Amino acid sequence: MTMPTHLKSHLDQAKISYSQISHVPTYTAQGTASVMHVPGKDVAKTIVLRTGEKTLLAVLPASYHVNLNKLAPIVGSDVRLATESECYGLFPDCEPGAVPPFGELYGLPVYVDEALADDPEIIFSVGTHSDAIRMSNTDFVYLARPQICSFADERSHLISSVISTDTTRRKIMNNLARRGSVFGDLFDFRREFDEMFNRLLSEQPFSAARSVAPAPEVPAIEAWVDKEGKSYHVRLALPGVDPQNVQLNVQSNVLSISAERKMTRESKDVNYLRREFSYGTLERTLELPEGTDTAKIAAEYNNGVLEISAPVAAAALPRRIEIKSAVKPKAASAS
């Protein structure tokens, strides 16, 4: 899938200078930043939100977290994350989770966090998991016409996890090194050239080159309602994740799960033959069944699987409705 046609036409008609960047498929904005070798703060992610019956887009740095409590007074009402079913159909020309930050293309308002306004350039997804655009921040604001405000927190300010653990808060260390885009590209080119030259001298095969770790995958889930136990259950595959690096957030009837898989050992002198482990932030958003008691959500982490459960009111459980056959009238007998 390529950039949506009407998005490209929108950019070209505005006569705005931009560069399109193709990369290996990534499924989070932080993963895109990783494969592009830029800090997470330099890449924007678009979050689809709901307020009442209305939909809006929130745009913030990949390394930040949307604070719904901050955004609510700005919007004028309570805000929650949109569910996957609510997003389906709104963006028919985009892959799931790759919504571009141009709400006017879909008739939606756009809110941009102030943290993005500090950078001269902005990088964002353009409808696919393998394409991004880099443009000046001035041109982006001119084209998107967003409301710029403060509603995002750095990930070190995320709410505590409800998972039973001695440490209830985590701190994610952001990449503090800043660099200009032009000089950063030059340094990347110089490093790549040096590695290629060293491989030629040492007669190492190109397949032994140091590769970039794949971006984090979307974690697989199982979810079901236990009618006998009157409870809702979710199992989320999170192998290699420290439970202290898992965060759960409940807003209305939407459960948001965020986890970080960290690299435990890295050696710059190793030429990987294969590198298929993925690292970074993994996120899922689930709509809870009607009647779920969100105040009693419990979570446990066992053998790489996060297990979440919550009681469900009996009245909200599905039940089978018996269909009775209508009594047929007796045929009149001939006299």
C-alpha atoms as a PDB file:
ATOM      1  CA  MET A   1       0.000   0.000   0.000  1.00  0.00           C
ATOM      2  CA  THR A   2       1.308   3.462  -0.926  1.00  0.00           C
ATOM      3  CA  MET A   3       0.491   6.963   0.264  1.00  0.00           C
ATOM      4  CA  PRO A   4      -3.245   7.682  -0.198  1.00  0.00           C
ATOM      5  CA  THR A   5      -3.853   9.431  -3.513  1.00  0.00           C
ATOM      6  CA  HIS A   6      -5.948  12.254  -2.112  1.00  0.00           C
ATOM      7  CA  LEU A   7      -3.302  12.951   0.579  1.00  0.00           C
ATOM      8  CA  LYS A   8      -0.595  13.235  -2.067  1.00  0.00           C
ATOM      9  CA  SER A   9      -2.841  15.512  -4.138  1.00  0.00           C
ATOM     10  CA  HIS A  10      -3.514  17.614  -1.045  1.00  0.00           C
ATOM     11  CA  LEU A  11       0.217  18.085  -0.439  1.00  0.00           C
ATOM     12  CA  ASP A  12       1.056  18.739  -4.084  1.00  0.00           C
ATOM     13  CA  GLN A  13      -1.738  21.266  -4.563  1.00  0.00           C
ATOM     14  CA  ALA A  14      -0.490  23.215  -1.552  1.00  0.00           C
ATOM     15  CA  LYS A  15       2.960  23.351  -3.240  1.00  0.00           C
ATOM     16  CA  ILE A  16       4.659  22.417   0.014  1.00  0.00           C
ATOM     17  CA  SER A  17       8.136  20.944  -0.005  1.00  0.00           C
ATOM     18  CA  TYR A  18       8.402  17.537   1.635  1.00  0.00           C
ATOM     19  CA  SER A  19      10.380  14.315   1.359  1.00  0.00           C
ATOM     20  CA  GLN A  20       8.799  10.861   1.389  1.00  0.00           C
ATOM     21  CA  ILE A  21      10.744   8.192   3.276  1.00  0.00           C
ATOM     22  CA  SER A  22      10.237   4.456   2.796  1.00  0.00           C
ATOM     23  CA  HIS A  23      11.334   2.143   5.610  1.00  0.00           C
ATOM     24  CA  VAL A  24      10.832  -1.383   6.873  1.00  0.00           C
ATOM     25  CA  PRO A  25       7.302  -1.894   8.227  1.00  0.00           C
ATOM     26  CA  THR A  26       6.816  -0.541  11.760  1.00  0.00           C
ATOM     27  CA  TYR A  27       3.676  -0.562  13.851  1.00  0.00           C
ATOM     28  CA  THR A  28       4.367   2.210  16.346  1.00  0.00           C
ATOM     29  CA  ALA A  29       5.691   5.743  15.938  1.00  0.00           C
ATOM     30  CA  GLN A  30       8.510   4.879  18.343  1.00  0.00           C
ATOM     31  CA  GLY A  31       9.409   1.963  16.090  1.00  0.00           C
ATOM     32  CA  THR A  32       9.531   4.325  13.116  1.00  0.00           C
ATOM     33  CA  ALA A  33      11.890   6.594  15.035  1.00  0.00           C
ATOM     34  CA  SER A  34      14.092   3.601  15.811  1.00  0.00           C
ATOM     35  CA  VAL A  35      14.498   2.433  12.207  1.00  0.00           C
ATOM     36  CA  MET A  36      15.067   6.031  11.054  1.00  0.00           C
ATOM     37  CA  HIS A  37      17.728   6.595  13.746  1.00  0.00           C
ATOM     38  CA  VAL A  38      16.072   9.698  15.163  1.00  0.00           C
ATOM     39  CA  PRO A  39      14.832  10.486  18.688  1.00  0.00           C
ATOM     40  CA  GLY A  40      11.210   9.603  19.421  1.00  0.00           C
ATOM     41  CA  LYS A  41      10.448  13.274  20.052  1.00  0.00           C
ATOM     42  CA  ASP A  42      11.158  14.022  16.370  1.00  0.00           C
ATOM     43  CA  VAL A  43       8.455  11.651  15.080  1.00  0.00           C
ATOM     44  CA  ALA A  44       4.768  12.518  15.457  1.00  0.00           C
ATOM     45  CA  LYS A  45       2.055   9.981  16.183  1.00  0.00           C
ATOM     46  CA  THR A  46      -1.650  10.514  15.544  1.00  0.00           C
ATOM     47  CA  ILE A  47      -4.126   9.287  18.160  1.00  0.00           C
ATOM     48  CA  VAL A  48      -7.820   8.943  17.299  1.00  0.00           C
ATOM     49  CA  LEU A  49     -10.037  10.140  20.167  1.00  0.00           C
ATOM     50  CA  ARG A  50     -13.742  10.357  20.873  1.00  0.00           C
ATOM     51  CA  THR A  51     -15.657  13.042  22.753  1.00  0.00           C
ATOM     52  CA  GLY A  52     -19.338  12.231  22.899  1.00  0.00           C
ATOM     53  CA  GLU A  53     -20.358  11.376  19.347  1.00  0.00           C
ATOM     54  CA  LYS A  54     -17.511  13.355  17.790  1.00  0.00           C
ATOM     55  CA  THR A  55     -14.079  12.158  16.646  1.00  0.00           C
ATOM     56  CA  LEU A  56     -10.857  14.176  16.780  1.00  0.00           C
ATOM     57  CA  LEU A  57      -7.145  13.663  16.134  1.00  0.00           C
ATOM     58  CA  ALA A  58      -4.423  14.317  18.715  1.00  0.00           C
ATOM     59  CA  VAL A  59      -0.877  14.658  17.380  1.00  0.00           C
ATOM     60  CA  LEU A  60       2.061  14.340  19.771  1.00  0.00           C
ATOM     61  CA  PRO A  61       5.673  13.098  19.869  1.00  0.00           C
ATOM     62  CA  ALA A  62       6.180   9.333  19.686  1.00  0.00           C
ATOM     63  CA  SER A  63       7.943   9.346  23.055  1.00  0.00           C
ATOM     64  CA  TYR A  64       5.027  11.124  24.770  1.00  0.00           C
ATOM     65  CA  HIS A  65       1.709   9.905  26.174  1.00  0.00           C
ATOM     66  CA  VAL A  66      -1.630  11.650  25.666  1.00  0.00           C
ATOM     67  CA  ASN A  67      -3.049  12.959  28.952  1.00  0.00           C
ATOM     68  CA  LEU A  68      -6.820  12.790  28.550  1.00  0.00           C
ATOM     69  CA  ASN A  69      -7.380  14.810  31.716  1.00  0.00           C
ATOM     70  CA  LYS A  70      -5.395  17.700  30.244  1.00  0.00           C
ATOM     71  CA  LEU A  71      -7.152  17.510  26.900  1.00  0.00           C
ATOM     72  CA  ALA A  72     -10.709  17.365  28.284  1.00  0.00           C
ATOM     73  CA  PRO A  73     -10.945  21.059  29.358  1.00  0.00           C
ATOM     74  CA  ILE A  74      -9.392  22.108  26.051  1.00  0.00           C
ATOM     75  CA  VAL A  75     -11.962  20.174  24.044  1.00  0.00           C
ATOM     76  CA  GLY A  76     -14.774  21.075  26.416  1.00  0.00           C
ATOM     77  CA  SER A  77     -15.903  17.570  27.392  1.00  0.00           C
ATOM     78  CA  ASP A  78     -14.575  14.184  28.469  1.00  0.00           C
ATOM     79  CA  VAL A  79     -12.246  12.510  25.996  1.00  0.00           C
ATOM     80  CA  ARG A  80     -11.448   8.838  25.512  1.00  0.00           C
ATOM     81  CA  LEU A  81      -9.457   6.708  23.116  1.00  0.00           C
ATOM     82  CA  ALA A  82     -11.415   5.524  20.109  1.00  0.00           C
ATOM     83  CA  THR A  83     -11.841   1.782  19.805  1.00  0.00           C
ATOM     84  CA  GLU A  84     -10.699  -0.234  16.815  1.00  0.00           C
ATOM     85  CA  SER A  85     -14.308  -0.722  15.728  1.00  0.00           C
ATOM     86  CA  GLU A  86     -14.947   3.040  15.859  1.00  0.00           C
ATOM     87  CA  CYS A  87     -11.883   3.745  13.722  1.00  0.00           C
ATOM     88  CA  TYR A  88     -12.906   1.178  11.142  1.00  0.00           C
ATOM     89  CA  GLY A  89     -14.453   2.945   8.187  1.00  0.00           C
ATOM     90  CA  LEU A  90     -13.262   6.435   9.170  1.00  0.00           C
ATOM     91  CA  PHE A  91      -9.958   6.010   7.338  1.00  0.00           C
ATOM     92  CA  PRO A  92     -10.645   3.572   4.480  1.00  0.00           C
ATOM     93  CA  ASP A  93      -7.496   4.553   2.581  1.00  0.00           C
ATOM     94  CA  CYS A  94      -5.148   4.012   5.540  1.00  0.00           C
ATOM     95  CA  GLU A  95      -3.712   0.954   7.188  1.00  0.00           C
ATOM     96  CA  PRO A  96      -4.867   0.507  10.821  1.00  0.00           C
ATOM     97  CA  GLY A  97      -2.760   2.641  13.155  1.00  0.00           C
ATOM     98  CA  ALA A  98      -1.175   4.707  10.355  1.00  0.00           C
ATOM     99  CA  VAL A  99      -3.496   7.722  10.248  1.00  0.00           C
ATOM    100  CA  PRO A 100      -1.858  10.918   8.895  1.00  0.00           C
ATOM    101  CA  PRO A 101      -2.233  14.098  10.996  1.00  0.00           C
ATOM    102  CA  PHE A 102      -4.396  15.930   8.448  1.00  0.00           C
ATOM    103  CA  GLY A 103      -7.869  15.863   9.954  1.00  0.00           C
ATOM    104  CA  GLU A 104      -9.415  18.105   7.308  1.00  0.00           C
ATOM    105  CA  LEU A 105      -9.116  15.240   4.806  1.00  0.00           C
ATOM    106  CA  TYR A 106     -11.573  13.310   6.971  1.00  0.00           C
ATOM    107  CA  GLY A 107     -13.600  16.199   8.389  1.00  0.00           C
ATOM    108  CA  LEU A 108     -11.963  15.944  11.832  1.00  0.00           C
ATOM    109  CA  PRO A 109     -10.409  18.627  14.097  1.00  0.00           C
ATOM    110  CA  VAL A 110      -6.713  18.316  14.918  1.00  0.00           C
ATOM    111  CA  TYR A 111      -4.977  19.120  18.209  1.00  0.00           C
ATOM    112  CA  VAL A 112      -1.157  19.278  18.240  1.00  0.00           C
ATOM    113  CA  ASP A 113       0.887  19.192  21.438  1.00  0.00           C
ATOM    114  CA  GLU A 114       3.277  22.073  22.058  1.00  0.00           C
ATOM    115  CA  ALA A 115       6.223  19.678  22.354  1.00  0.00           C
ATOM    116  CA  LEU A 116       6.151  19.191  18.564  1.00  0.00           C
ATOM    117  CA  ALA A 117       6.245  22.927  17.900  1.00  0.00           C
ATOM    118  CA  ASP A 118       9.794  23.182  19.275  1.00  0.00           C
ATOM    119  CA  ASP A 119      11.295  21.243  16.364  1.00  0.00           C
ATOM    120  CA  PRO A 120      11.990  22.816  12.963  1.00  0.00           C
ATOM    121  CA  GLU A 121      10.875  19.634  11.185  1.00  0.00           C
ATOM    122  CA  ILE A 122       8.224  16.988  11.715  1.00  0.00           C
ATOM    123  CA  ILE A 123       8.103  13.338  10.611  1.00  0.00           C
ATOM    124  CA  PHE A 124       4.840  11.403  10.484  1.00  0.00           C
ATOM    125  CA  SER A 125       3.145   8.366   8.957  1.00  0.00           C
ATOM    126  CA  VAL A 126       1.201   8.811   5.730  1.00  0.00           C
ATOM    127  CA  GLY A 127      -1.348   6.027   5.752  1.00  0.00           C
ATOM    128  CA  THR A 128       0.975   3.011   5.644  1.00  0.00           C
ATOM    129  CA  HIS A 129       3.314   1.245   8.064  1.00  0.00           C
ATOM    130  CA  SER A 130       6.285   1.626   5.720  1.00  0.00           C
ATOM    131  CA  ASP A 131       6.049   5.240   4.505  1.00  0.00           C
ATOM    132  CA  ALA A 132       6.655   8.525   6.295  1.00  0.00           C
ATOM    133  CA  ILE A 133       6.968  12.187   5.378  1.00  0.00           C
ATOM    134  CA  ARG A 134       9.432  14.792   6.588  1.00  0.00           C
ATOM    135  CA  MET A 135       8.461  18.445   6.210  1.00  0.00           C
ATOM    136  CA  SER A 136       9.044  21.743   7.961  1.00  0.00           C
ATOM    137  CA  ASN A 137       6.927  22.380  11.018  1.00  0.00           C
ATOM    138  CA  THR A 138       5.854  25.739   9.602  1.00  0.00           C
ATOM    139  CA  ASP A 139       4.451  24.089   6.469  1.00  0.00           C
ATOM    140  CA  PHE A 140       2.722  21.407   8.518  1.00  0.00           C
ATOM    141  CA  VAL A 141       0.939  23.964  10.724  1.00  0.00           C
ATOM    142  CA  TYR A 142      -0.056  25.968   7.657  1.00  0.00           C
ATOM    143  CA  LEU A 143      -1.530  22.908   5.957  1.00  0.00           C
ATOM    144  CA  ALA A 144      -3.111  21.085   8.926  1.00  0.00           C
ATOM    145  CA  ARG A 145      -4.314  24.255  10.708  1.00  0.00           C
ATOM    146  CA  PRO A 146      -4.368  22.519  14.101  1.00  0.00           C
ATOM    147  CA  GLN A 147      -5.073  23.884  17.544  1.00  0.00           C
ATOM    148  CA  ILE A 148      -1.707  23.913  19.320  1.00  0.00           C
ATOM    149  CA  CYS A 149      -1.962  23.262  23.051  1.00  0.00           C
ATOM    150  CA  SER A 150      -0.417  21.219  25.877  1.00  0.00           C
ATOM    151  CA  PHE A 151      -1.975  17.805  26.546  1.00  0.00           C
ATOM    152  CA  ALA A 152       0.902  15.283  26.440  1.00  0.00           C
ATOM    153  CA  ASP A 153       3.292  13.971  29.086  1.00  0.00           C
ATOM    154  CA  GLU A 154       6.654  12.343  28.679  1.00  0.00           C
ATOM    155  CA  ARG A 155       6.477   8.620  29.307  1.00  0.00           C
ATOM    156  CA  SER A 156       8.229   9.033  32.657  1.00  0.00           C
ATOM    157  CA  HIS A 157       4.955  10.615  33.863  1.00  0.00           C
ATOM    158  CA  LEU A 158       2.665   7.718  32.926  1.00  0.00           C
ATOM    159  CA  ILE A 159       0.200   6.463  35.514  1.00  0.00           C
ATOM    160  CA  SER A 160       1.225   3.546  37.701  1.00  0.00           C
ATOM    161  CA  SER A 161       0.423   0.025  36.600  1.00  0.00           C
ATOM    162  CA  VAL A 162      -2.288  -2.011  38.288  1.00  0.00           C
ATOM    163  CA  ILE A 163      -0.110  -5.117  38.017  1.00  0.00           C
ATOM    164  CA  SER A 164       0.959  -6.398  41.429  1.00  0.00           C
ATOM    165  CA  THR A 165       4.623  -5.461  41.782  1.00  0.00           C
ATOM    166  CA  ASP A 166       6.859  -3.787  44.344  1.00  0.00           C
ATOM    167  CA  THR A 167       7.681  -0.997  41.912  1.00  0.00           C
ATOM    168  CA  THR A 168       4.538   0.748  40.685  1.00  0.00           C
ATOM    169  CA  ARG A 169       6.135   3.348  38.485  1.00  0.00           C
ATOM    170  CA  ARG A 170       8.617   3.132  35.647  1.00  0.00           C
ATOM    171  CA  LYS A 171      10.822   5.686  34.034  1.00  0.00           C
ATOM    172  CA  ILE A 172      11.520   5.492  30.320  1.00  0.00           C
ATOM    173  CA  MET A 173      14.804   7.174  29.430  1.00  0.00           C
ATOM    174  CA  ASN A 174      14.374   9.316  26.361  1.00  0.00           C
ATOM    175  CA  ASN A 175      17.163   9.835  23.906  1.00  0.00           C
ATOM    176  CA  LEU A 176      18.405  13.278  24.906  1.00  0.00           C
ATOM    177  CA  ALA A 177      20.878  13.659  22.071  1.00  0.00           C
ATOM    178  CA  ARG A 178      19.685  16.272  19.612  1.00  0.00           C
ATOM    179  CA  ARG A 179      21.037  16.724  16.154  1.00  0.00           C
ATOM    180  CA  GLY A 180      20.183  18.705  13.064  1.00  0.00           C
ATOM    181  CA  SER A 181      18.669  16.660  10.264  1.00  0.00           C
ATOM    182  CA  VAL A 182      21.350  17.515   7.687  1.00  0.00           C
ATOM    183  CA  PHE A 183      24.346  16.800   9.906  1.00  0.00           C
ATOM    184  CA  GLY A 184      22.639  13.725  11.352  1.00  0.00           C
ATOM    185  CA  ASP A 185      22.202  12.288   7.860  1.00  0.00           C
ATOM    186  CA  LEU A 186      25.857  13.001   7.088  1.00  0.00           C
ATOM    187  CA  PHE A 187      27.022  11.219  10.238  1.00  0.00           C
ATOM    188  CA  ASP A 188      24.789   8.243   9.441  1.00  0.00           C
ATOM    189  CA  PHE A 189      26.224   8.083   5.921  1.00  0.00           C
ATOM    190  CA  ARG A 190      29.790   8.287   7.224  1.00  0.00           C
ATOM    191  CA  ARG A 191      29.166   5.475   9.725  1.00  0.00           C
ATOM    192  CA  GLU A 192      27.534   3.254   7.089  1.00  0.00           C
ATOM    193  CA  PHE A 193      30.396   3.911   4.666  1.00  0.00           C
ATOM    194  CA  ASP A 194      33.011   3.089   7.310  1.00  0.00           C
ATOM    195  CA  GLU A 195      31.293  -0.201   8.125  1.00  0.00           C
ATOM    196  CA  MET A 196      31.050  -1.166   4.466  1.00  0.00           C
ATOM    197  CA  PHE A 197      34.748  -0.334   3.939  1.00  0.00           C
ATOM    198  CA  ASN A 198      35.768  -2.371   6.997  1.00  0.00           C
ATOM    199  CA  ARG A 199      33.779  -5.368   5.751  1.00  0.00           C
ATOM    200  CA  LEU A 200      35.574  -5.204   2.399  1.00  0.00           C
ATOM    201  CA  LEU A 201      38.950  -5.161   4.118  1.00  0.00           C
ATOM    202  CA  SER A 202      38.066  -8.048   6.412  1.00  0.00           C
ATOM    203  CA  GLU A 203      36.348 -10.015   3.604  1.00  0.00           C
ATOM    204  CA  GLN A 204      33.223 -10.425   5.724  1.00  0.00           C
ATOM    205  CA  PRO A 205      30.026 -11.182   3.797  1.00  0.00           C
ATOM    206  CA  PHE A 206      27.500  -8.404   3.511  1.00  0.00           C
ATOM    207  CA  SER A 207      24.953 -10.616   5.256  1.00  0.00           C
ATOM    208  CA  ALA A 208      27.039 -10.210   8.397  1.00  0.00           C
ATOM    209  CA  ALA A 209      26.376  -6.481   8.473  1.00  0.00           C
ATOM    210  CA  ARG A 210      25.006  -4.930  11.614  1.00  0.00           C
ATOM    211  CA  SER A 211      21.263  -4.743  11.102  1.00  0.00           C
ATOM    212  CA  VAL A 212      18.580  -2.707  12.733  1.00  0.00           C
ATOM    213  CA  ALA A 213      16.339  -4.607  15.097  1.00  0.00           C
ATOM    214  CA  PRO A 214      12.795  -4.971  13.786  1.00  0.00           C
ATOM    215  CA  ALA A 215      10.161  -2.614  15.109  1.00  0.00           C
ATOM    216  CA  PRO A 216       7.890  -3.966  17.843  1.00  0.00           C
ATOM    217  CA  GLU A 217       5.033  -6.118  16.623  1.00  0.00           C
ATOM    218  CA  VAL A 218       1.406  -5.697  17.611  1.00  0.00           C
ATOM    219  CA  PRO A 219       0.990  -8.109  20.549  1.00  0.00           C
ATOM    220  CA  ALA A 220      -1.478 -10.944  19.992  1.00  0.00           C
ATOM    221  CA  ILE A 221      -4.487 -11.139  22.293  1.00  0.00           C
ATOM    222  CA  GLU A 222      -7.272 -13.486  23.352  1.00  0.00           C
ATOM    223  CA  ALA A 223     -10.411 -12.023  24.928  1.00  0.00           C
ATOM    224  CA  TRP A 224     -13.570 -13.761  26.100  1.00  0.00           C
ATOM    225  CA  VAL A 225     -16.459 -13.558  28.564  1.00  0.00           C
ATOM    226  CA  ASP A 226     -16.881 -16.389  31.077  1.00  0.00           C
ATOM    227  CA  LYS A 227     -20.643 -16.635  31.507  1.00  0.00           C
ATOM    228  CA  GLU A 228     -20.433 -19.113  34.376  1.00  0.00           C
ATOM    229  CA  GLY A 229     -17.811 -17.113  36.256  1.00  0.00           C
ATOM    230  CA  LYS A 230     -19.453 -13.806  35.251  1.00  0.00           C
ATOM    231  CA  SER A 231     -16.113 -12.310  34.285  1.00  0.00           C
ATOM    232  CA  TYR A 232     -14.221 -10.818  31.337  1.00  0.00           C
ATOM    233  CA  HIS A 233     -10.735 -12.113  30.486  1.00  0.00           C
ATOM    234  CA  VAL A 234      -7.885 -10.924  28.271  1.00  0.00           C
ATOM    235  CA  ARG A 235      -4.590 -12.689  27.561  1.00  0.00           C
ATOM    236  CA  LEU A 236      -1.884 -10.584  25.912  1.00  0.00           C
ATOM    237  CA  ALA A 237       1.372 -12.066  24.580  1.00  0.00           C
ATOM    238  CA  LEU A 238       4.288 -10.017  25.959  1.00  0.00           C
ATOM    239  CA  PRO A 239       7.352 -12.299  25.903  1.00  0.00           C
ATOM    240  CA  GLY A 240      10.566 -10.700  27.080  1.00  0.00           C
ATOM    241  CA  VAL A 241       8.797  -7.782  28.774  1.00  0.00           C
ATOM    242  CA  ASP A 242       9.498  -6.839  32.390  1.00  0.00           C
ATOM    243  CA  PRO A 243       6.107  -6.480  34.174  1.00  0.00           C
ATOM    244  CA  GLN A 244       7.410  -3.246  35.683  1.00  0.00           C
ATOM    245  CA  ASN A 245       7.427  -1.850  32.134  1.00  0.00           C
ATOM    246  CA  VAL A 246       3.723  -2.511  31.559  1.00  0.00           C
ATOM    247  CA  GLN A 247       1.071   0.164  31.995  1.00  0.00           C
ATOM    248  CA  LEU A 248      -2.721  -0.223  32.063  1.00  0.00           C
ATOM    249  CA  ASN A 249      -5.107   2.696  31.733  1.00  0.00           C
ATOM    250  CA  VAL A 250      -8.921   2.639  31.855  1.00  0.00           C
ATOM    251  CA  GLN A 251     -10.992   5.499  30.478  1.00  0.00           C
ATOM    252  CA  SER A 252     -14.741   4.975  30.377  1.00  0.00           C
ATOM    253  CA  ASN A 253     -15.117   1.487  28.817  1.00  0.00           C
ATOM    254  CA  VAL A 254     -11.772   1.529  26.975  1.00  0.00           C
ATOM    255  CA  LEU A 255      -8.740  -0.367  28.255  1.00  0.00           C
ATOM    256  CA  SER A 256      -5.331   0.795  26.997  1.00  0.00           C
ATOM    257  CA  ILE A 257      -2.288  -1.435  27.385  1.00  0.00           C
ATOM    258  CA  SER A 258       1.240  -0.120  26.872  1.00  0.00           C
ATOM    259  CA  ALA A 259       4.414  -2.159  27.340  1.00  0.00           C
ATOM    260  CA  GLU A 260       8.089  -1.661  26.579  1.00  0.00           C
ATOM    261  CA  ARG A 261      10.468  -4.436  25.590  1.00  0.00           C
ATOM    262  CA  LYS A 262      13.983  -3.238  26.400  1.00  0.00           C
ATOM    263  CA  MET A 263      17.232  -4.472  24.933  1.00  0.00           C
ATOM    264  CA  THR A 264      19.095  -6.191  27.765  1.00  0.00           C
ATOM    265  CA  ARG A 265      22.419  -6.476  26.006  1.00  0.00           C
ATOM    266  CA  GLU A 266      23.871  -4.592  23.081  1.00  0.00           C
ATOM    267  CA  SER A 267      27.363  -4.781  21.618  1.00  0.00           C
ATOM    268  CA  LYS A 268      28.397  -2.318  18.941  1.00  0.00           C
ATOM    269  CA  ASP A 269      31.225  -4.617  17.849  1.00  0.00           C
ATOM    270  CA  VAL A 270      28.945  -7.516  16.875  1.00  0.00           C
ATOM    271  CA  ASN A 271      28.079  -8.145  13.224  1.00  0.00           C
ATOM    272  CA  TYR A 272      24.708  -9.873  13.402  1.00  0.00           C
ATOM    273  CA  LEU A 273      24.046 -12.727  10.992  1.00  0.00           C
ATOM    274  CA  ARG A 274      20.340 -12.547  11.856  1.00  0.00           C
ATOM    275  CA  ARG A 275      18.465 -10.116  14.052  1.00  0.00           C
ATOM    276  CA  GLU A 276      14.752 -10.745  14.476  1.00  0.00           C
ATOM    277  CA  PHE A 277      14.068  -9.732  18.080  1.00  0.00           C
ATOM    278  CA  SER A 278      12.037  -6.529  18.273  1.00  0.00           C
ATOM    279  CA  TYR A 279      12.293  -3.828  20.933  1.00  0.00           C
ATOM    280  CA  GLY A 280      10.420  -0.695  21.851  1.00  0.00           C
ATOM    281  CA  THR A 281       6.870   0.188  22.859  1.00  0.00           C
ATOM    282  CA  LEU A 282       3.914  -2.106  22.191  1.00  0.00           C
ATOM    283  CA  GLU A 283       0.354  -0.829  22.514  1.00  0.00           C
ATOM    284  CA  ARG A 284      -3.186  -2.216  22.272  1.00  0.00           C
ATOM    285  CA  THR A 285      -6.576  -0.623  22.922  1.00  0.00           C
ATOM    286  CA  LEU A 286      -9.628  -2.729  23.758  1.00  0.00           C
ATOM    287  CA  GLU A 287     -13.291  -1.892  24.188  1.00  0.00           C
ATOM    288  CA  LEU A 288     -14.585  -3.540  27.352  1.00  0.00           C
ATOM    289  CA  PRO A 289     -17.940  -5.352  27.278  1.00  0.00           C
ATOM    290  CA  GLU A 290     -20.953  -3.553  28.681  1.00  0.00           C
ATOM    291  CA  GLY A 291     -21.313  -4.149  32.416  1.00  0.00           C
ATOM    292  CA  THR A 292     -17.584  -4.647  33.109  1.00  0.00           C
ATOM    293  CA  ASP A 293     -16.643  -3.455  36.615  1.00  0.00           C
ATOM    294  CA  THR A 294     -13.552  -1.392  35.757  1.00  0.00           C
ATOM    295  CA  ALA A 295     -12.867  -0.661  39.441  1.00  0.00           C
ATOM    296  CA  LYS A 296     -12.094  -4.346  40.008  1.00  0.00           C
ATOM    297  CA  ILE A 297      -9.754  -5.020  37.083  1.00  0.00           C
ATOM    298  CA  ALA A 298      -6.897  -7.330  38.091  1.00  0.00           C
ATOM    299  CA  ALA A 299      -3.778  -8.250  36.129  1.00  0.00           C
ATOM    300  CA  GLU A 300      -1.025 -10.851  36.440  1.00  0.00           C
ATOM    301  CA  TYR A 301       2.055 -11.578  34.352  1.00  0.00           C
ATOM    302  CA  ASN A 302       3.029 -15.233  33.955  1.00  0.00           C
ATOM    303  CA  ASN A 303       5.509 -16.824  31.537  1.00  0.00           C
ATOM    304  CA  GLY A 304       5.416 -13.936  29.070  1.00  0.00           C
ATOM    305  CA  VAL A 305       1.626 -13.607  29.078  1.00  0.00           C
ATOM    306  CA  LEU A 306      -0.301 -10.731  30.654  1.00  0.00           C
ATOM    307  CA  GLU A 307      -3.636 -11.967  32.039  1.00  0.00           C
ATOM    308  CA  ILE A 308      -6.339  -9.385  32.794  1.00  0.00           C
ATOM    309  CA  SER A 309      -9.715 -10.106  34.357  1.00  0.00           C
ATOM    310  CA  ALA A 310     -12.704  -8.159  35.625  1.00  0.00           C
ATOM    311  CA  PRO A 311     -16.178  -9.078  36.877  1.00  0.00           C
ATOM    312  CA  VAL A 312     -19.159  -8.526  34.578  1.00  0.00           C
ATOM    313  CA  ALA A 313     -22.672  -7.777  35.786  1.00  0.00           C
ATOM    314  CA  ALA A 314     -25.036 -10.709  35.290  1.00  0.00           C
ATOM    315  CA  ALA A 315     -27.545  -8.517  33.466  1.00  0.00           C
ATOM    316  CA  ALA A 316     -24.906  -7.694  30.836  1.00  0.00           C
ATOM    317  CA  LEU A 317     -24.008 -11.320  30.069  1.00  0.00           C
ATOM    318  CA  PRO A 318     -25.218 -12.760  26.782  1.00  0.00           C
ATOM    319  CA  ARG A 319     -28.170 -15.079  27.092  1.00  0.00           C
ATOM    320  CA  ARG A 320     -29.945 -17.391  24.745  1.00  0.00           C
ATOM    321  CA  ILE A 321     -33.474 -16.450  23.780  1.00  0.00           C
ATOM    322  CA  GLU A 322     -35.787 -19.367  23.214  1.00  0.00           C
ATOM    323  CA  ILE A 323     -37.918 -19.210  20.095  1.00  0.00           C
ATOM    324  CA  LYS A 324     -41.286 -20.819  20.519  1.00  0.00           C
ATOM    325  CA  SER A 325     -43.267 -22.302  17.668  1.00  0.00           C
ATOM    326  CA  ALA A 326     -46.626 -20.720  17.031  1.00  0.00           C
ATOM    327  CA  VAL A 327     -49.600 -23.034  17.547  1.00  0.00           C
ATOM    328  CA  LYS A 328     -51.146 -23.788  14.195  1.00  0.00           C
ATOM    329  CA  PRO A 329     -54.954 -23.528  14.073  1.00  0.00           C
ATOM    330  CA  LYS A 330     -56.733 -26.798  13.425  1.00  0.00           C
ATOM    331  CA  ALA A 331     -58.199 -27.198   9.971  1.00  0.00           C
ATOM    332  CA  ALA A 332     -61.991 -27.183   9.843  1.00  0.00           C
ATOM    333  CA  SER A 333     -63.420 -30.641   9.234  1.00  0.00           C
ATOM    334  CA  ALA A 334     -65.763 -31.239   6.323  1.00  0.00           C
ATOM    335  CA  SER A 335     -69.390 -31.851   7.345  1.00  0.00           C
END
